[in-house]
């Protein structure tokens, strides 16, 4: 499939499409999965998210990708590399968000690890960050498991954000 960005042991990460809205809504409409985001998202907001992602592909050659199970094709979530601003500095962030039914299976760590390698190899990034909510311990653990270390805590998006980073 030409939209495939990368494969891991258990997943295919591919470019997001507008017809992914229904799958993304499974995450975005779940208050537990969205606990550390400002709010859940409706269908219109989900389509805006997809448009933002497609714009990132166009402008930056990267963005969030859909994670699907390699064997079954099941939608698992999203993971990728997105541009972010951290205290006035442009950074590339590994972001990840998976549907709750597949939590605690290592998918986020596996996908984030592959994205880290991809960022260093394909984009020759010297540094990659991850920006989980400071209270989101599972997401912080993913960052730590892929070799990131806590740099600092900042105020962003109206809350405390843990800034994790890793260097090539």
C-alpha atoms as a PDB file:
ATOM      1  CA  UNK A   1       0.000   0.000   0.000  1.00  0.00           C
ATOM      2  CA  UNK A   2       1.557   3.287  -1.092  1.00  0.00           C
ATOM      3  CA  UNK A   3       0.391   5.246   1.960  1.00  0.00           C
ATOM      4  CA  UNK A   4       2.404   2.991   4.285  1.00  0.00           C
ATOM      5  CA  UNK A   5       5.046   4.971   6.149  1.00  0.00           C
ATOM      6  CA  UNK A   6       6.548   2.149   8.194  1.00  0.00           C
ATOM      7  CA  UNK A   7       5.959  -1.282   9.643  1.00  0.00           C
ATOM      8  CA  UNK A   8       6.715  -2.549  13.127  1.00  0.00           C
ATOM      9  CA  UNK A   9       6.509  -6.108  14.418  1.00  0.00           C
ATOM     10  CA  UNK A  10       2.751  -5.856  14.911  1.00  0.00           C
ATOM     11  CA  UNK A  11       1.626  -2.703  13.120  1.00  0.00           C
ATOM     12  CA  UNK A  12       1.508  -0.743   9.921  1.00  0.00           C
ATOM     13  CA  UNK A  13       1.677   3.037  10.255  1.00  0.00           C
ATOM     14  CA  UNK A  14       0.125   4.727   7.255  1.00  0.00           C
ATOM     15  CA  UNK A  15      -0.992   8.166   6.179  1.00  0.00           C
ATOM     16  CA  UNK A  16      -4.274   9.349   7.659  1.00  0.00           C
ATOM     17  CA  UNK A  17      -7.245   9.823   5.317  1.00  0.00           C
ATOM     18  CA  UNK A  18     -10.570  11.616   5.691  1.00  0.00           C
ATOM     19  CA  UNK A  19     -12.316   8.222   5.798  1.00  0.00           C
ATOM     20  CA  UNK A  20     -10.470   7.497   9.064  1.00  0.00           C
ATOM     21  CA  UNK A  21     -12.864   9.854  10.880  1.00  0.00           C
ATOM     22  CA  UNK A  22     -15.129   7.080  12.180  1.00  0.00           C
ATOM     23  CA  UNK A  23     -12.185   5.152  13.644  1.00  0.00           C
ATOM     24  CA  UNK A  24     -10.649   8.291  15.166  1.00  0.00           C
ATOM     25  CA  UNK A  25     -14.018   9.156  16.710  1.00  0.00           C
ATOM     26  CA  UNK A  26     -13.764   5.921  18.712  1.00  0.00           C
ATOM     27  CA  UNK A  27     -10.877   7.608  20.557  1.00  0.00           C
ATOM     28  CA  UNK A  28     -11.982  11.233  20.341  1.00  0.00           C
ATOM     29  CA  UNK A  29     -15.484  10.585  21.728  1.00  0.00           C
ATOM     30  CA  UNK A  30     -14.156   8.507  24.662  1.00  0.00           C
ATOM     31  CA  UNK A  31     -13.862  10.745  27.767  1.00  0.00           C
ATOM     32  CA  UNK A  32     -11.359   8.338  29.367  1.00  0.00           C
ATOM     33  CA  UNK A  33      -9.080   8.217  26.313  1.00  0.00           C
ATOM     34  CA  UNK A  34      -9.326  12.024  26.026  1.00  0.00           C
ATOM     35  CA  UNK A  35      -8.855  12.732  29.746  1.00  0.00           C
ATOM     36  CA  UNK A  36      -5.625  14.695  29.187  1.00  0.00           C
ATOM     37  CA  UNK A  37      -6.870  16.598  26.132  1.00  0.00           C
ATOM     38  CA  UNK A  38      -8.925  19.796  26.520  1.00  0.00           C
ATOM     39  CA  UNK A  39     -12.112  17.910  25.570  1.00  0.00           C
ATOM     40  CA  UNK A  40     -13.566  15.116  23.497  1.00  0.00           C
ATOM     41  CA  UNK A  41     -14.129  15.801  19.790  1.00  0.00           C
ATOM     42  CA  UNK A  42     -17.231  15.510  17.632  1.00  0.00           C
ATOM     43  CA  UNK A  43     -17.274  14.510  13.953  1.00  0.00           C
ATOM     44  CA  UNK A  44     -16.646  18.065  12.695  1.00  0.00           C
ATOM     45  CA  UNK A  45     -13.673  18.503  15.056  1.00  0.00           C
ATOM     46  CA  UNK A  46     -12.342  15.094  14.030  1.00  0.00           C
ATOM     47  CA  UNK A  47     -12.427  16.114  10.361  1.00  0.00           C
ATOM     48  CA  UNK A  48     -10.587  19.337  11.318  1.00  0.00           C
ATOM     49  CA  UNK A  49      -7.965  17.160  13.065  1.00  0.00           C
ATOM     50  CA  UNK A  50      -7.569  15.089   9.902  1.00  0.00           C
ATOM     51  CA  UNK A  51      -7.268  18.277   7.805  1.00  0.00           C
ATOM     52  CA  UNK A  52      -4.573  19.586  10.205  1.00  0.00           C
ATOM     53  CA  UNK A  53      -2.746  16.260   9.815  1.00  0.00           C
ATOM     54  CA  UNK A  54      -2.990  16.351   5.998  1.00  0.00           C
ATOM     55  CA  UNK A  55      -1.680  19.928   6.098  1.00  0.00           C
ATOM     56  CA  UNK A  56       1.291  18.741   8.179  1.00  0.00           C
ATOM     57  CA  UNK A  57       2.063  16.089   5.541  1.00  0.00           C
ATOM     58  CA  UNK A  58       1.986  18.818   2.883  1.00  0.00           C
ATOM     59  CA  UNK A  59       4.041  21.418   4.797  1.00  0.00           C
ATOM     60  CA  UNK A  60       6.431  19.250   6.798  1.00  0.00           C
ATOM     61  CA  UNK A  61       6.434  15.831   5.113  1.00  0.00           C
ATOM     62  CA  UNK A  62       5.351  14.272   8.398  1.00  0.00           C
ATOM     63  CA  UNK A  63       2.431  14.143  10.795  1.00  0.00           C
ATOM     64  CA  UNK A  64       0.340  11.685  12.749  1.00  0.00           C
ATOM     65  CA  UNK A  65      -0.149   8.318  11.089  1.00  0.00           C
ATOM     66  CA  UNK A  66      -2.858   5.717  11.562  1.00  0.00           C
ATOM     67  CA  UNK A  67      -1.670   2.594  13.365  1.00  0.00           C
ATOM     68  CA  UNK A  68      -3.299  -0.624  12.182  1.00  0.00           C
ATOM     69  CA  UNK A  69      -2.744  -4.196  13.277  1.00  0.00           C
ATOM     70  CA  UNK A  70      -0.514  -5.857  10.679  1.00  0.00           C
ATOM     71  CA  UNK A  71      -2.432  -9.153  10.598  1.00  0.00           C
ATOM     72  CA  UNK A  72      -6.037  -8.044  11.015  1.00  0.00           C
ATOM     73  CA  UNK A  73      -6.023  -4.453   9.714  1.00  0.00           C
ATOM     74  CA  UNK A  74      -7.779  -3.381  12.935  1.00  0.00           C
ATOM     75  CA  UNK A  75      -7.526   0.342  13.679  1.00  0.00           C
ATOM     76  CA  UNK A  76      -5.463   0.750  16.860  1.00  0.00           C
ATOM     77  CA  UNK A  77      -4.791   4.475  17.092  1.00  0.00           C
ATOM     78  CA  UNK A  78      -2.432   7.120  15.811  1.00  0.00           C
ATOM     79  CA  UNK A  79       1.228   7.917  16.267  1.00  0.00           C
ATOM     80  CA  UNK A  80       3.624  10.149  14.411  1.00  0.00           C
ATOM     81  CA  UNK A  81       5.906  13.142  14.350  1.00  0.00           C
ATOM     82  CA  UNK A  82       4.385  16.618  14.458  1.00  0.00           C
ATOM     83  CA  UNK A  83       5.850  20.121  14.664  1.00  0.00           C
ATOM     84  CA  UNK A  84       5.292  21.847  18.014  1.00  0.00           C
ATOM     85  CA  UNK A  85       6.431  25.019  19.681  1.00  0.00           C
ATOM     86  CA  UNK A  86       8.145  24.672  23.042  1.00  0.00           C
ATOM     87  CA  UNK A  87       8.818  28.009  24.712  1.00  0.00           C
ATOM     88  CA  UNK A  88       9.369  29.782  21.397  1.00  0.00           C
ATOM     89  CA  UNK A  89      11.481  27.014  19.877  1.00  0.00           C
ATOM     90  CA  UNK A  90      10.348  24.752  17.025  1.00  0.00           C
ATOM     91  CA  UNK A  91      10.556  21.086  17.971  1.00  0.00           C
ATOM     92  CA  UNK A  92       9.438  17.823  16.401  1.00  0.00           C
ATOM     93  CA  UNK A  93       7.220  15.806  18.735  1.00  0.00           C
ATOM     94  CA  UNK A  94       6.348  12.141  18.792  1.00  0.00           C
ATOM     95  CA  UNK A  95       2.646  12.074  19.568  1.00  0.00           C
ATOM     96  CA  UNK A  96       0.558   8.973  20.260  1.00  0.00           C
ATOM     97  CA  UNK A  97      -3.054   8.244  21.072  1.00  0.00           C
ATOM     98  CA  UNK A  98      -4.557   4.749  20.997  1.00  0.00           C
ATOM     99  CA  UNK A  99      -8.071   3.452  21.530  1.00  0.00           C
ATOM    100  CA  UNK A 100      -8.719   2.318  25.059  1.00  0.00           C
ATOM    101  CA  UNK A 101      -9.552  -1.294  24.136  1.00  0.00           C
ATOM    102  CA  UNK A 102      -5.895  -1.861  23.131  1.00  0.00           C
ATOM    103  CA  UNK A 103      -4.207  -0.046  26.029  1.00  0.00           C
ATOM    104  CA  UNK A 104      -1.553  -1.938  28.029  1.00  0.00           C
ATOM    105  CA  UNK A 105      -0.467  -4.035  25.031  1.00  0.00           C
ATOM    106  CA  UNK A 106       2.680  -2.051  24.215  1.00  0.00           C
ATOM    107  CA  UNK A 107       1.342  -0.592  20.969  1.00  0.00           C
ATOM    108  CA  UNK A 108       2.090   3.041  21.893  1.00  0.00           C
ATOM    109  CA  UNK A 109       5.656   2.159  22.906  1.00  0.00           C
ATOM    110  CA  UNK A 110       6.217   0.066  19.764  1.00  0.00           C
ATOM    111  CA  UNK A 111       4.859   2.791  17.466  1.00  0.00           C
ATOM    112  CA  UNK A 112       6.641   5.644  19.280  1.00  0.00           C
ATOM    113  CA  UNK A 113       9.929   3.743  19.169  1.00  0.00           C
ATOM    114  CA  UNK A 114       9.554   3.226  15.405  1.00  0.00           C
ATOM    115  CA  UNK A 115       8.719   6.932  14.966  1.00  0.00           C
ATOM    116  CA  UNK A 116      11.820   7.905  16.946  1.00  0.00           C
ATOM    117  CA  UNK A 117      14.017   5.779  14.671  1.00  0.00           C
ATOM    118  CA  UNK A 118      12.208   7.162  11.599  1.00  0.00           C
ATOM    119  CA  UNK A 119      12.714  10.762  12.775  1.00  0.00           C
ATOM    120  CA  UNK A 120      16.441  10.234  13.245  1.00  0.00           C
ATOM    121  CA  UNK A 121      16.958   8.246  10.028  1.00  0.00           C
ATOM    122  CA  UNK A 122      14.506   9.739   7.516  1.00  0.00           C
ATOM    123  CA  UNK A 123      14.502  13.340   8.747  1.00  0.00           C
ATOM    124  CA  UNK A 124      17.992  13.437  10.283  1.00  0.00           C
ATOM    125  CA  UNK A 125      16.546  15.115  13.380  1.00  0.00           C
ATOM    126  CA  UNK A 126      19.080  15.811  16.106  1.00  0.00           C
ATOM    127  CA  UNK A 127      16.427  15.967  18.835  1.00  0.00           C
ATOM    128  CA  UNK A 128      12.868  14.697  19.231  1.00  0.00           C
ATOM    129  CA  UNK A 129      10.489  15.603  22.047  1.00  0.00           C
ATOM    130  CA  UNK A 130       7.298  14.208  23.531  1.00  0.00           C
ATOM    131  CA  UNK A 131       4.844  16.476  25.350  1.00  0.00           C
ATOM    132  CA  UNK A 132       2.499  14.488  27.599  1.00  0.00           C
ATOM    133  CA  UNK A 133       0.313  16.118  30.227  1.00  0.00           C
ATOM    134  CA  UNK A 134       2.375  16.089  33.432  1.00  0.00           C
ATOM    135  CA  UNK A 135      -0.397  14.020  35.113  1.00  0.00           C
ATOM    136  CA  UNK A 136      -0.567  11.443  32.299  1.00  0.00           C
ATOM    137  CA  UNK A 137       1.689   8.771  33.803  1.00  0.00           C
ATOM    138  CA  UNK A 138       1.069   6.098  31.120  1.00  0.00           C
ATOM    139  CA  UNK A 139       2.114   8.513  28.340  1.00  0.00           C
ATOM    140  CA  UNK A 140       5.115   9.641  30.358  1.00  0.00           C
ATOM    141  CA  UNK A 141       6.150   5.985  30.744  1.00  0.00           C
ATOM    142  CA  UNK A 142       5.976   5.508  26.952  1.00  0.00           C
ATOM    143  CA  UNK A 143       8.372   8.438  26.493  1.00  0.00           C
ATOM    144  CA  UNK A 144      10.724   6.948  29.100  1.00  0.00           C
ATOM    145  CA  UNK A 145      10.545   3.457  27.568  1.00  0.00           C
ATOM    146  CA  UNK A 146      11.716   4.787  24.199  1.00  0.00           C
ATOM    147  CA  UNK A 147      14.750   6.408  25.799  1.00  0.00           C
ATOM    148  CA  UNK A 148      13.500   9.928  26.418  1.00  0.00           C
ATOM    149  CA  UNK A 149      14.373  11.854  29.559  1.00  0.00           C
ATOM    150  CA  UNK A 150      12.415  14.561  31.336  1.00  0.00           C
ATOM    151  CA  UNK A 151      13.894  17.932  30.431  1.00  0.00           C
ATOM    152  CA  UNK A 152      11.447  20.229  32.222  1.00  0.00           C
ATOM    153  CA  UNK A 153       7.802  20.996  32.876  1.00  0.00           C
ATOM    154  CA  UNK A 154       6.174  23.908  31.068  1.00  0.00           C
ATOM    155  CA  UNK A 155       2.769  25.571  30.948  1.00  0.00           C
ATOM    156  CA  UNK A 156       1.174  24.935  27.529  1.00  0.00           C
ATOM    157  CA  UNK A 157      -2.362  24.343  26.293  1.00  0.00           C
ATOM    158  CA  UNK A 158      -3.610  25.671  29.640  1.00  0.00           C
ATOM    159  CA  UNK A 159      -1.935  22.976  31.750  1.00  0.00           C
ATOM    160  CA  UNK A 160       1.344  21.530  32.964  1.00  0.00           C
ATOM    161  CA  UNK A 161       3.180  19.644  30.233  1.00  0.00           C
ATOM    162  CA  UNK A 162       6.176  17.360  30.753  1.00  0.00           C
ATOM    163  CA  UNK A 163       8.837  17.963  28.104  1.00  0.00           C
ATOM    164  CA  UNK A 164      10.698  14.748  27.335  1.00  0.00           C
ATOM    165  CA  UNK A 165      13.517  14.632  24.812  1.00  0.00           C
ATOM    166  CA  UNK A 166      15.982  12.300  23.181  1.00  0.00           C
ATOM    167  CA  UNK A 167      19.002  13.139  21.043  1.00  0.00           C
ATOM    168  CA  UNK A 168      20.391  11.237  18.096  1.00  0.00           C
END
